[in-house]
Amino acid sequence: MSTKPAVHRQLNIKSGVAKRVLKEHILYAKEAEEQQRKLDKLIANNADEWDVKSARRILEESHRMIKDSDNRLGKAVQDLRELVLRVKSQPEFAEDVELLHAEEALEEASV
């Protein structure tokens, strides 16, 4: 991975992965909030026991997906951080645009 195009390709791939997994994580969190509201509404309206159990299962699945996406996001951020640090140590990438984009993606996903 010593050539500039290969490094740019890896920066783009790892940046894209971090952005995509962050987006998934946010969507799963919104879905869990929505499912919690639905469950609360069912309980407040004294819905059938089956409906309440079904809503709880869906909510539990949403929480599992949040945990999974959180793990994948952590790995993606770690991979991108390692690559950015490795590339920053090479003088030929001092003012590289792709590196700057990767650093921005890293900053977004690290929050």
PDB file of N, CA and C in Angstrom:
ATOM      1  N   MET A   1       0.831  -1.188   0.000  1.00  0.00           N
ATOM      2  CA  MET A   1       0.000   0.000   0.000  1.00  0.00           C
ATOM      3  C   MET A   1       0.874   1.249   0.000  1.00  0.00           C
ATOM      4  N   SER A   2       1.965   1.193  -0.705  1.00  0.00           N
ATOM      5  CA  SER A   2       2.891   2.314  -0.711  1.00  0.00           C
ATOM      6  C   SER A   2       2.577   3.321  -1.816  1.00  0.00           C
ATOM      7  N   THR A   3       1.783   2.958  -2.803  1.00  0.00           N
ATOM      8  CA  THR A   3       1.483   3.905  -3.862  1.00  0.00           C
ATOM      9  C   THR A   3       0.345   4.824  -3.456  1.00  0.00           C
ATOM     10  N   LYS A   4       0.409   6.030  -3.955  1.00  0.00           N
ATOM     11  CA  LYS A   4      -0.591   7.029  -3.592  1.00  0.00           C
ATOM     12  C   LYS A   4      -2.014   6.608  -3.977  1.00  0.00           C
ATOM     13  N   PRO A   5      -2.253   6.097  -5.187  1.00  0.00           N
ATOM     14  CA  PRO A   5      -3.619   5.676  -5.526  1.00  0.00           C
ATOM     15  C   PRO A   5      -4.151   4.570  -4.608  1.00  0.00           C
ATOM     16  N   ALA A   6      -3.291   3.657  -4.208  1.00  0.00           N
ATOM     17  CA  ALA A   6      -3.730   2.585  -3.310  1.00  0.00           C
ATOM     18  C   ALA A   6      -4.097   3.141  -1.935  1.00  0.00           C
ATOM     19  N   VAL A   7      -3.325   4.086  -1.470  1.00  0.00           N
ATOM     20  CA  VAL A   7      -3.606   4.707  -0.176  1.00  0.00           C
ATOM     21  C   VAL A   7      -4.908   5.505  -0.256  1.00  0.00           C
ATOM     22  N   HIS A   8      -5.089   6.250  -1.354  1.00  0.00           N
ATOM     23  CA  HIS A   8      -6.324   7.016  -1.536  1.00  0.00           C
ATOM     24  C   HIS A   8      -7.528   6.076  -1.550  1.00  0.00           C
ATOM     25  N   ARG A   9      -7.379   4.965  -2.210  1.00  0.00           N
ATOM     26  CA  ARG A   9      -8.476   3.987  -2.282  1.00  0.00           C
ATOM     27  C   ARG A   9      -8.828   3.477  -0.885  1.00  0.00           C
ATOM     28  N   GLN A  10      -7.825   3.138  -0.099  1.00  0.00           N
ATOM     29  CA  GLN A  10      -8.080   2.645   1.260  1.00  0.00           C
ATOM     30  C   GLN A  10      -8.701   3.736   2.130  1.00  0.00           C
ATOM     31  N   LEU A  11      -8.233   4.967   1.986  1.00  0.00           N
ATOM     32  CA  LEU A  11      -8.818   6.074   2.746  1.00  0.00           C
ATOM     33  C   LEU A  11     -10.289   6.254   2.390  1.00  0.00           C
ATOM     34  N   ASN A  12     -10.603   6.204   1.099  1.00  0.00           N
ATOM     35  CA  ASN A  12     -11.993   6.346   0.657  1.00  0.00           C
ATOM     36  C   ASN A  12     -12.867   5.207   1.168  1.00  0.00           C
ATOM     37  N   ILE A  13     -12.370   3.991   1.079  1.00  0.00           N
ATOM     38  CA  ILE A  13     -13.143   2.825   1.521  1.00  0.00           C
ATOM     39  C   ILE A  13     -13.417   2.906   3.017  1.00  0.00           C
ATOM     40  N   LYS A  14     -12.380   3.128   3.788  1.00  0.00           N
ATOM     41  CA  LYS A  14     -12.540   3.142   5.248  1.00  0.00           C
ATOM     42  C   LYS A  14     -13.362   4.344   5.714  1.00  0.00           C
ATOM     43  N   SER A  15     -13.245   5.468   5.030  1.00  0.00           N
ATOM     44  CA  SER A  15     -14.069   6.630   5.361  1.00  0.00           C
ATOM     45  C   SER A  15     -15.537   6.336   5.061  1.00  0.00           C
ATOM     46  N   GLY A  16     -15.782   5.723   3.921  1.00  0.00           N
ATOM     47  CA  GLY A  16     -17.152   5.366   3.542  1.00  0.00           C
ATOM     48  C   GLY A  16     -17.780   4.388   4.514  1.00  0.00           C
ATOM     49  N   VAL A  17     -17.005   3.407   4.953  1.00  0.00           N
ATOM     50  CA  VAL A  17     -17.508   2.432   5.913  1.00  0.00           C
ATOM     51  C   VAL A  17     -17.892   3.128   7.215  1.00  0.00           C
ATOM     52  N   ALA A  18     -17.029   3.996   7.701  1.00  0.00           N
ATOM     53  CA  ALA A  18     -17.302   4.701   8.959  1.00  0.00           C
ATOM     54  C   ALA A  18     -18.567   5.554   8.840  1.00  0.00           C
ATOM     55  N   LYS A  19     -18.720   6.268   7.738  1.00  0.00           N
ATOM     56  CA  LYS A  19     -19.907   7.104   7.538  1.00  0.00           C
ATOM     57  C   LYS A  19     -21.172   6.259   7.454  1.00  0.00           C
ATOM     58  N   ARG A  20     -21.100   5.152   6.726  1.00  0.00           N
ATOM     59  CA  ARG A  20     -22.272   4.286   6.538  1.00  0.00           C
ATOM     60  C   ARG A  20     -22.704   3.659   7.860  1.00  0.00           C
ATOM     61  N   VAL A  21     -21.749   3.158   8.628  1.00  0.00           N
ATOM     62  CA  VAL A  21     -22.087   2.507   9.889  1.00  0.00           C
ATOM     63  C   VAL A  21     -22.617   3.536  10.889  1.00  0.00           C
ATOM     64  N   LEU A  22     -22.084   4.758  10.871  1.00  0.00           N
ATOM     65  CA  LEU A  22     -22.615   5.816  11.726  1.00  0.00           C
ATOM     66  C   LEU A  22     -24.069   6.105  11.370  1.00  0.00           C
ATOM     67  N   LYS A  23     -24.349   6.181  10.085  1.00  0.00           N
ATOM     68  CA  LYS A  23     -25.721   6.431   9.629  1.00  0.00           C
ATOM     69  C   LYS A  23     -26.649   5.303  10.083  1.00  0.00           C
ATOM     70  N   GLU A  24     -26.214   4.061   9.947  1.00  0.00           N
ATOM     71  CA  GLU A  24     -27.008   2.922  10.410  1.00  0.00           C
ATOM     72  C   GLU A  24     -27.269   3.016  11.905  1.00  0.00           C
ATOM     73  N   HIS A  25     -26.234   3.346  12.666  1.00  0.00           N
ATOM     74  CA  HIS A  25     -26.366   3.437  14.119  1.00  0.00           C
ATOM     75  C   HIS A  25     -27.417   4.482  14.503  1.00  0.00           C
ATOM     76  N   ILE A  26     -27.382   5.610  13.852  1.00  0.00           N
ATOM     77  CA  ILE A  26     -28.352   6.678  14.127  1.00  0.00           C
ATOM     78  C   ILE A  26     -29.762   6.220  13.772  1.00  0.00           C
ATOM     79  N   LEU A  27     -29.906   5.542  12.638  1.00  0.00           N
ATOM     80  CA  LEU A  27     -31.225   5.057  12.233  1.00  0.00           C
ATOM     81  C   LEU A  27     -31.769   4.017  13.208  1.00  0.00           C
ATOM     82  N   TYR A  28     -30.919   3.119  13.679  1.00  0.00           N
ATOM     83  CA  TYR A  28     -31.370   2.115  14.646  1.00  0.00           C
ATOM     84  C   TYR A  28     -31.793   2.768  15.953  1.00  0.00           C
ATOM     85  N   ALA A  29     -31.085   3.803  16.374  1.00  0.00           N
ATOM     86  CA  ALA A  29     -31.457   4.503  17.603  1.00  0.00           C
ATOM     87  C   ALA A  29     -32.820   5.182  17.448  1.00  0.00           C
ATOM     88  N   LYS A  30     -33.061   5.793  16.287  1.00  0.00           N
ATOM     89  CA  LYS A  30     -34.368   6.417  16.027  1.00  0.00           C
ATOM     90  C   LYS A  30     -35.472   5.360  16.001  1.00  0.00           C
ATOM     91  N   GLU A  31     -35.179   4.230  15.384  1.00  0.00           N
ATOM     92  CA  GLU A  31     -36.161   3.149  15.322  1.00  0.00           C
ATOM     93  C   GLU A  31     -36.496   2.645  16.727  1.00  0.00           C
ATOM     94  N   ALA A  32     -35.506   2.522  17.589  1.00  0.00           N
ATOM     95  CA  ALA A  32     -35.747   2.057  18.962  1.00  0.00           C
ATOM     96  C   ALA A  32     -36.626   3.061  19.715  1.00  0.00           C
ATOM     97  N   GLU A  33     -36.389   4.341  19.514  1.00  0.00           N
ATOM     98  CA  GLU A  33     -37.221   5.358  20.161  1.00  0.00           C
ATOM     99  C   GLU A  33     -38.668   5.240  19.688  1.00  0.00           C
ATOM    100  N   GLU A  34     -38.835   5.052  18.384  1.00  0.00           N
ATOM    101  CA  GLU A  34     -40.173   4.907  17.811  1.00  0.00           C
ATOM    102  C   GLU A  34     -40.871   3.654  18.350  1.00  0.00           C
ATOM    103  N   GLN A  35     -40.137   2.559  18.430  1.00  0.00           N
ATOM    104  CA  GLN A  35     -40.714   1.322  18.947  1.00  0.00           C
ATOM    105  C   GLN A  35     -41.078   1.458  20.425  1.00  0.00           C
ATOM    106  N   GLN A  36     -40.274   2.194  21.180  1.00  0.00           N
ATOM    107  CA  GLN A  36     -40.575   2.422  22.594  1.00  0.00           C
ATOM    108  C   GLN A  36     -41.870   3.211  22.730  1.00  0.00           C
ATOM    109  N   ARG A  37     -42.055   4.222  21.885  1.00  0.00           N
ATOM    110  CA  ARG A  37     -43.297   5.005  21.919  1.00  0.00           C
ATOM    111  C   ARG A  37     -44.495   4.123  21.589  1.00  0.00           C
ATOM    112  N   LYS A  38     -44.343   3.245  20.585  1.00  0.00           N
ATOM    113  CA  LYS A  38     -45.435   2.343  20.212  1.00  0.00           C
ATOM    114  C   LYS A  38     -45.778   1.400  21.363  1.00  0.00           C
ATOM    115  N   LEU A  39     -44.744   0.867  22.006  1.00  0.00           N
ATOM    116  CA  LEU A  39     -44.968  -0.037  23.136  1.00  0.00           C
ATOM    117  C   LEU A  39     -45.672   0.693  24.270  1.00  0.00           C
ATOM    118  N   ASP A  40     -45.215   1.887  24.586  1.00  0.00           N
ATOM    119  CA  ASP A  40     -45.850   2.670  25.652  1.00  0.00           C
ATOM    120  C   ASP A  40     -47.319   2.947  25.332  1.00  0.00           C
ATOM    121  N   LYS A  41     -47.585   3.243  24.075  1.00  0.00           N
ATOM    122  CA  LYS A  41     -48.971   3.514  23.649  1.00  0.00           C
ATOM    123  C   LYS A  41     -49.827   2.260  23.787  1.00  0.00           C
ATOM    124  N   LEU A  42     -49.282   1.110  23.392  1.00  0.00           N
ATOM    125  CA  LEU A  42     -50.029  -0.147  23.522  1.00  0.00           C
ATOM    126  C   LEU A  42     -50.354  -0.443  24.983  1.00  0.00           C
ATOM    127  N   ILE A  43     -49.364  -0.240  25.841  1.00  0.00           N
ATOM    128  CA  ILE A  43     -49.577  -0.498  27.269  1.00  0.00           C
ATOM    129  C   ILE A  43     -50.612   0.471  27.829  1.00  0.00           C
ATOM    130  N   ALA A  44     -50.523   1.748  27.452  1.00  0.00           N
ATOM    131  CA  ALA A  44     -51.469   2.752  27.943  1.00  0.00           C
ATOM    132  C   ALA A  44     -52.898   2.461  27.478  1.00  0.00           C
ATOM    133  N   ASN A  45     -53.035   1.889  26.285  1.00  0.00           N
ATOM    134  CA  ASN A  45     -54.359   1.591  25.727  1.00  0.00           C
ATOM    135  C   ASN A  45     -54.852   0.193  26.083  1.00  0.00           C
ATOM    136  N   ASN A  46     -54.145  -0.482  26.994  1.00  0.00           N
ATOM    137  CA  ASN A  46     -54.515  -1.842  27.407  1.00  0.00           C
ATOM    138  C   ASN A  46     -54.710  -2.775  26.205  1.00  0.00           C
ATOM    139  N   ALA A  47     -53.730  -2.792  25.335  1.00  0.00           N
ATOM    140  CA  ALA A  47     -53.789  -3.629  24.137  1.00  0.00           C
ATOM    141  C   ALA A  47     -53.665  -5.101  24.520  1.00  0.00           C
ATOM    142  N   ASP A  48     -53.945  -5.960  23.539  1.00  0.00           N
ATOM    143  CA  ASP A  48     -53.835  -7.400  23.774  1.00  0.00           C
ATOM    144  C   ASP A  48     -52.424  -7.759  24.226  1.00  0.00           C
ATOM    145  N   GLU A  49     -52.342  -8.797  25.021  1.00  0.00           N
ATOM    146  CA  GLU A  49     -51.056  -9.248  25.535  1.00  0.00           C
ATOM    147  C   GLU A  49     -50.117  -9.626  24.383  1.00  0.00           C
ATOM    148  N   TRP A  50     -50.656 -10.252  23.352  1.00  0.00           N
ATOM    149  CA  TRP A  50     -49.835 -10.663  22.212  1.00  0.00           C
ATOM    150  C   TRP A  50     -49.221  -9.446  21.524  1.00  0.00           C
ATOM    151  N   ASP A  51     -50.007  -8.374  21.366  1.00  0.00           N
ATOM    152  CA  ASP A  51     -49.498  -7.158  20.727  1.00  0.00           C
ATOM    153  C   ASP A  51     -48.371  -6.537  21.545  1.00  0.00           C
ATOM    154  N   VAL A  52     -48.540  -6.536  22.871  1.00  0.00           N
ATOM    155  CA  VAL A  52     -47.522  -5.968  23.752  1.00  0.00           C
ATOM    156  C   VAL A  52     -46.244  -6.810  23.680  1.00  0.00           C
ATOM    157  N   LYS A  53     -46.388  -8.139  23.716  1.00  0.00           N
ATOM    158  CA  LYS A  53     -45.211  -9.011  23.626  1.00  0.00           C
ATOM    159  C   LYS A  53     -44.496  -8.829  22.296  1.00  0.00           C
ATOM    160  N   SER A  54     -45.276  -8.719  21.246  1.00  0.00           N
ATOM    161  CA  SER A  54     -44.695  -8.525  19.917  1.00  0.00           C
ATOM    162  C   SER A  54     -43.923  -7.202  19.859  1.00  0.00           C
ATOM    163  N   ALA A  55     -44.505  -6.162  20.415  1.00  0.00           N
ATOM    164  CA  ALA A  55     -43.834  -4.856  20.418  1.00  0.00           C
ATOM    165  C   ALA A  55     -42.553  -4.920  21.256  1.00  0.00           C
ATOM    166  N   ARG A  56     -42.585  -5.669  22.355  1.00  0.00           N
ATOM    167  CA  ARG A  56     -41.379  -5.812  23.184  1.00  0.00           C
ATOM    168  C   ARG A  56     -40.279  -6.555  22.422  1.00  0.00           C
ATOM    169  N   ARG A  57     -40.661  -7.586  21.684  1.00  0.00           N
ATOM    170  CA  ARG A  57     -39.665  -8.338  20.898  1.00  0.00           C
ATOM    171  C   ARG A  57     -39.022  -7.433  19.848  1.00  0.00           C
ATOM    172  N   ILE A  58     -39.838  -6.631  19.210  1.00  0.00           N
ATOM    173  CA  ILE A  58     -39.314  -5.715  18.195  1.00  0.00           C
ATOM    174  C   ILE A  58     -38.367  -4.701  18.834  1.00  0.00           C
ATOM    175  N   LEU A  59     -38.739  -4.192  20.004  1.00  0.00           N
ATOM    176  CA  LEU A  59     -37.892  -3.238  20.713  1.00  0.00           C
ATOM    177  C   LEU A  59     -36.573  -3.889  21.128  1.00  0.00           C
ATOM    178  N   GLU A  60     -36.636  -5.118  21.611  1.00  0.00           N
ATOM    179  CA  GLU A  60     -35.417  -5.831  21.992  1.00  0.00           C
ATOM    180  C   GLU A  60     -34.505  -6.035  20.785  1.00  0.00           C
ATOM    181  N   GLU A  61     -35.101  -6.359  19.645  1.00  0.00           N
ATOM    182  CA  GLU A  61     -34.312  -6.527  18.422  1.00  0.00           C
ATOM    183  C   GLU A  61     -33.653  -5.205  18.028  1.00  0.00           C
ATOM    184  N   SER A  62     -34.364  -4.117  18.188  1.00  0.00           N
ATOM    185  CA  SER A  62     -33.793  -2.799  17.883  1.00  0.00           C
ATOM    186  C   SER A  62     -32.589  -2.515  18.785  1.00  0.00           C
ATOM    187  N   HIS A  63     -32.706  -2.872  20.066  1.00  0.00           N
ATOM    188  CA  HIS A  63     -31.586  -2.659  20.985  1.00  0.00           C
ATOM    189  C   HIS A  63     -30.393  -3.546  20.623  1.00  0.00           C
ATOM    190  N   ARG A  64     -30.658  -4.755  20.168  1.00  0.00           N
ATOM    191  CA  ARG A  64     -29.558  -5.627  19.726  1.00  0.00           C
ATOM    192  C   ARG A  64     -28.865  -5.036  18.504  1.00  0.00           C
ATOM    193  N   MET A  65     -29.647  -4.465  17.602  1.00  0.00           N
ATOM    194  CA  MET A  65     -29.062  -3.873  16.397  1.00  0.00           C
ATOM    195  C   MET A  65     -28.248  -2.623  16.750  1.00  0.00           C
ATOM    196  N   ILE A  66     -28.682  -1.875  17.755  1.00  0.00           N
ATOM    197  CA  ILE A  66     -27.911  -0.711  18.196  1.00  0.00           C
ATOM    198  C   ILE A  66     -26.563  -1.169  18.738  1.00  0.00           C
ATOM    199  N   LYS A  67     -26.591  -2.210  19.558  1.00  0.00           N
ATOM    200  CA  LYS A  67     -25.341  -2.724  20.123  1.00  0.00           C
ATOM    201  C   LYS A  67     -24.415  -3.231  19.016  1.00  0.00           C
ATOM    202  N   ASP A  68     -24.984  -3.955  18.048  1.00  0.00           N
ATOM    203  CA  ASP A  68     -24.186  -4.471  16.935  1.00  0.00           C
ATOM    204  C   ASP A  68     -23.590  -3.335  16.106  1.00  0.00           C
ATOM    205  N   SER A  69     -24.410  -2.338  15.782  1.00  0.00           N
ATOM    206  CA  SER A  69     -23.895  -1.228  14.974  1.00  0.00           C
ATOM    207  C   SER A  69     -22.863  -0.423  15.753  1.00  0.00           C
ATOM    208  N   ASP A  70     -23.025  -0.344  17.072  1.00  0.00           N
ATOM    209  CA  ASP A  70     -22.043   0.348  17.901  1.00  0.00           C
ATOM    210  C   ASP A  70     -20.692  -0.376  17.847  1.00  0.00           C
ATOM    211  N   ASN A  71     -20.729  -1.712  17.917  1.00  0.00           N
ATOM    212  CA  ASN A  71     -19.490  -2.493  17.816  1.00  0.00           C
ATOM    213  C   ASN A  71     -18.831  -2.304  16.447  1.00  0.00           C
ATOM    214  N   ARG A  72     -19.651  -2.360  15.391  1.00  0.00           N
ATOM    215  CA  ARG A  72     -19.107  -2.188  14.039  1.00  0.00           C
ATOM    216  C   ARG A  72     -18.574  -0.778  13.839  1.00  0.00           C
ATOM    217  N   LEU A  73     -19.248   0.215  14.422  1.00  0.00           N
ATOM    218  CA  LEU A  73     -18.777   1.595  14.314  1.00  0.00           C
ATOM    219  C   LEU A  73     -17.436   1.757  15.024  1.00  0.00           C
ATOM    220  N   GLY A  74     -17.300   1.151  16.192  1.00  0.00           N
ATOM    221  CA  GLY A  74     -16.038   1.220  16.916  1.00  0.00           C
ATOM    222  C   GLY A  74     -14.899   0.624  16.120  1.00  0.00           C
ATOM    223  N   LYS A  75     -15.151  -0.510  15.477  1.00  0.00           N
ATOM    224  CA  LYS A  75     -14.120  -1.155  14.658  1.00  0.00           C
ATOM    225  C   LYS A  75     -13.779  -0.300  13.438  1.00  0.00           C
ATOM    226  N   ALA A  76     -14.808   0.253  12.789  1.00  0.00           N
ATOM    227  CA  ALA A  76     -14.576   1.086  11.605  1.00  0.00           C
ATOM    228  C   ALA A  76     -13.769   2.331  11.964  1.00  0.00           C
ATOM    229  N   VAL A  77     -14.092   2.950  13.089  1.00  0.00           N
ATOM    230  CA  VAL A  77     -13.362   4.143  13.531  1.00  0.00           C
ATOM    231  C   VAL A  77     -11.918   3.782  13.860  1.00  0.00           C
ATOM    232  N   GLN A  78     -11.737   2.667  14.531  1.00  0.00           N
ATOM    233  CA  GLN A  78     -10.384   2.230  14.890  1.00  0.00           C
ATOM    234  C   GLN A  78      -9.553   1.971  13.625  1.00  0.00           C
ATOM    235  N   ASP A  79     -10.126   1.256  12.657  1.00  0.00           N
ATOM    236  CA  ASP A  79      -9.410   0.985  11.405  1.00  0.00           C
ATOM    237  C   ASP A  79      -9.051   2.277  10.679  1.00  0.00           C
ATOM    238  N   LEU A  80     -10.007   3.192  10.600  1.00  0.00           N
ATOM    239  CA  LEU A  80      -9.761   4.461   9.913  1.00  0.00           C
ATOM    240  C   LEU A  80      -8.709   5.276  10.656  1.00  0.00           C
ATOM    241  N   ARG A  81      -8.781   5.306  11.988  1.00  0.00           N
ATOM    242  CA  ARG A  81      -7.811   6.065  12.782  1.00  0.00           C
ATOM    243  C   ARG A  81      -6.400   5.529  12.554  1.00  0.00           C
ATOM    244  N   GLU A  82      -6.260   4.199  12.570  1.00  0.00           N
ATOM    245  CA  GLU A  82      -4.940   3.599  12.351  1.00  0.00           C
ATOM    246  C   GLU A  82      -4.394   3.953  10.977  1.00  0.00           C
ATOM    247  N   LEU A  83      -5.250   3.885   9.965  1.00  0.00           N
ATOM    248  CA  LEU A  83      -4.813   4.209   8.609  1.00  0.00           C
ATOM    249  C   LEU A  83      -4.429   5.688   8.502  1.00  0.00           C
ATOM    250  N   VAL A  84      -5.234   6.557   9.075  1.00  0.00           N
ATOM    251  CA  VAL A  84      -4.943   7.997   9.020  1.00  0.00           C
ATOM    252  C   VAL A  84      -3.607   8.295   9.709  1.00  0.00           C
ATOM    253  N   LEU A  85      -3.379   7.695  10.861  1.00  0.00           N
ATOM    254  CA  LEU A  85      -2.115   7.927  11.565  1.00  0.00           C
ATOM    255  C   LEU A  85      -0.925   7.419  10.764  1.00  0.00           C
ATOM    256  N   ARG A  86      -1.098   6.259  10.136  1.00  0.00           N
ATOM    257  CA  ARG A  86      -0.020   5.693   9.319  1.00  0.00           C
ATOM    258  C   ARG A  86       0.269   6.598   8.121  1.00  0.00           C
ATOM    259  N   VAL A  87      -0.780   7.105   7.482  1.00  0.00           N
ATOM    260  CA  VAL A  87      -0.610   7.939   6.293  1.00  0.00           C
ATOM    261  C   VAL A  87      -0.043   9.312   6.678  1.00  0.00           C
ATOM    262  N   LYS A  88      -0.479   9.854   7.806  1.00  0.00           N
ATOM    263  CA  LYS A  88       0.018  11.168   8.241  1.00  0.00           C
ATOM    264  C   LYS A  88       1.519  11.150   8.488  1.00  0.00           C
ATOM    265  N   SER A  89       2.056  10.007   8.822  1.00  0.00           N
ATOM    266  CA  SER A  89       3.493   9.920   9.100  1.00  0.00           C
ATOM    267  C   SER A  89       4.331   9.946   7.827  1.00  0.00           C
ATOM    268  N   GLN A  90       3.689   9.839   6.680  1.00  0.00           N
ATOM    269  CA  GLN A  90       4.404   9.861   5.401  1.00  0.00           C
ATOM    270  C   GLN A  90       4.390  11.286   4.839  1.00  0.00           C
ATOM    271  N   PRO A  91       5.555  11.856   4.594  1.00  0.00           N
ATOM    272  CA  PRO A  91       5.630  13.261   4.169  1.00  0.00           C
ATOM    273  C   PRO A  91       4.911  13.566   2.854  1.00  0.00           C
ATOM    274  N   GLU A  92       4.812  12.611   1.940  1.00  0.00           N
ATOM    275  CA  GLU A  92       4.183  12.893   0.643  1.00  0.00           C
ATOM    276  C   GLU A  92       2.672  13.128   0.761  1.00  0.00           C
ATOM    277  N   PHE A  93       2.094  12.830   1.934  1.00  0.00           N
ATOM    278  CA  PHE A  93       0.659  13.025   2.141  1.00  0.00           C
ATOM    279  C   PHE A  93       0.365  14.227   3.049  1.00  0.00           C
ATOM    280  N   ALA A  94       1.323  15.120   3.209  1.00  0.00           N
ATOM    281  CA  ALA A  94       1.190  16.239   4.155  1.00  0.00           C
ATOM    282  C   ALA A  94      -0.059  17.085   3.895  1.00  0.00           C
ATOM    283  N   GLU A  95      -0.309  17.465   2.660  1.00  0.00           N
ATOM    284  CA  GLU A  95      -1.453  18.328   2.321  1.00  0.00           C
ATOM    285  C   GLU A  95      -2.440  17.590   1.421  1.00  0.00           C
ATOM    286  N   ASP A  96      -2.579  16.306   1.606  1.00  0.00           N
ATOM    287  CA  ASP A  96      -3.407  15.487   0.726  1.00  0.00           C
ATOM    288  C   ASP A  96      -4.901  15.690   1.008  1.00  0.00           C
ATOM    289  N   VAL A  97      -5.676  15.917  -0.040  1.00  0.00           N
ATOM    290  CA  VAL A  97      -7.111  16.161   0.090  1.00  0.00           C
ATOM    291  C   VAL A  97      -7.831  14.915   0.609  1.00  0.00           C
ATOM    292  N   GLU A  98      -7.462  13.758   0.108  1.00  0.00           N
ATOM    293  CA  GLU A  98      -8.103  12.515   0.547  1.00  0.00           C
ATOM    294  C   GLU A  98      -7.873  12.273   2.037  1.00  0.00           C
ATOM    295  N   LEU A  99      -6.696  12.609   2.501  1.00  0.00           N
ATOM    296  CA  LEU A  99      -6.393  12.464   3.922  1.00  0.00           C
ATOM    297  C   LEU A  99      -7.255  13.417   4.746  1.00  0.00           C
ATOM    298  N   LEU A 100      -7.442  14.633   4.268  1.00  0.00           N
ATOM    299  CA  LEU A 100      -8.290  15.601   4.968  1.00  0.00           C
ATOM    300  C   LEU A 100      -9.734  15.109   5.045  1.00  0.00           C
ATOM    301  N   HIS A 101     -10.224  14.532   3.942  1.00  0.00           N
ATOM    302  CA  HIS A 101     -11.587  13.980   3.941  1.00  0.00           C
ATOM    303  C   HIS A 101     -11.700  12.817   4.926  1.00  0.00           C
ATOM    304  N   ALA A 102     -10.681  11.994   4.969  1.00  0.00           N
ATOM    305  CA  ALA A 102     -10.687  10.862   5.901  1.00  0.00           C
ATOM    306  C   ALA A 102     -10.677  11.349   7.348  1.00  0.00           C
ATOM    307  N   GLU A 103      -9.925  12.408   7.613  1.00  0.00           N
ATOM    308  CA  GLU A 103      -9.898  12.974   8.968  1.00  0.00           C
ATOM    309  C   GLU A 103     -11.254  13.556   9.345  1.00  0.00           C
ATOM    310  N   GLU A 104     -11.933  14.181   8.386  1.00  0.00           N
ATOM    311  CA  GLU A 104     -13.277  14.712   8.644  1.00  0.00           C
ATOM    312  C   GLU A 104     -14.250  13.577   8.950  1.00  0.00           C
ATOM    313  N   ALA A 105     -14.169  12.507   8.161  1.00  0.00           N
ATOM    314  CA  ALA A 105     -15.034  11.350   8.398  1.00  0.00           C
ATOM    315  C   ALA A 105     -14.753  10.736   9.757  1.00  0.00           C
ATOM    316  N   LEU A 106     -13.489  10.676  10.126  1.00  0.00           N
ATOM    317  CA  LEU A 106     -13.097  10.151  11.421  1.00  0.00           C
ATOM    318  C   LEU A 106     -13.660  11.001  12.554  1.00  0.00           C
ATOM    319  N   GLU A 107     -13.601  12.312  12.388  1.00  0.00           N
ATOM    320  CA  GLU A 107     -14.121  13.219  13.405  1.00  0.00           C
ATOM    321  C   GLU A 107     -15.635  13.053  13.549  1.00  0.00           C
ATOM    322  N   GLU A 108     -16.354  12.946  12.434  1.00  0.00           N
ATOM    323  CA  GLU A 108     -17.809  12.753  12.473  1.00  0.00           C
ATOM    324  C   GLU A 108     -18.180  11.454  13.184  1.00  0.00           C
ATOM    325  N   ALA A 109     -17.499  10.393  12.816  1.00  0.00           N
ATOM    326  CA  ALA A 109     -17.851   9.065  13.340  1.00  0.00           C
ATOM    327  C   ALA A 109     -17.398   8.862  14.778  1.00  0.00           C
ATOM    328  N   SER A 110     -16.432   9.645  15.229  1.00  0.00           N
ATOM    329  CA  SER A 110     -15.921   9.475  16.591  1.00  0.00           C
ATOM    330  C   SER A 110     -16.814  10.117  17.642  1.00  0.00           C
ATOM    331  N   VAL A 111     -17.755  10.921  17.221  1.00  0.00           N
ATOM    332  CA  VAL A 111     -18.604  11.643  18.179  1.00  0.00           C
ATOM    333  C   VAL A 111     -19.572  10.755  18.872  1.00  0.00           C
TER     334      VAL A 111
END
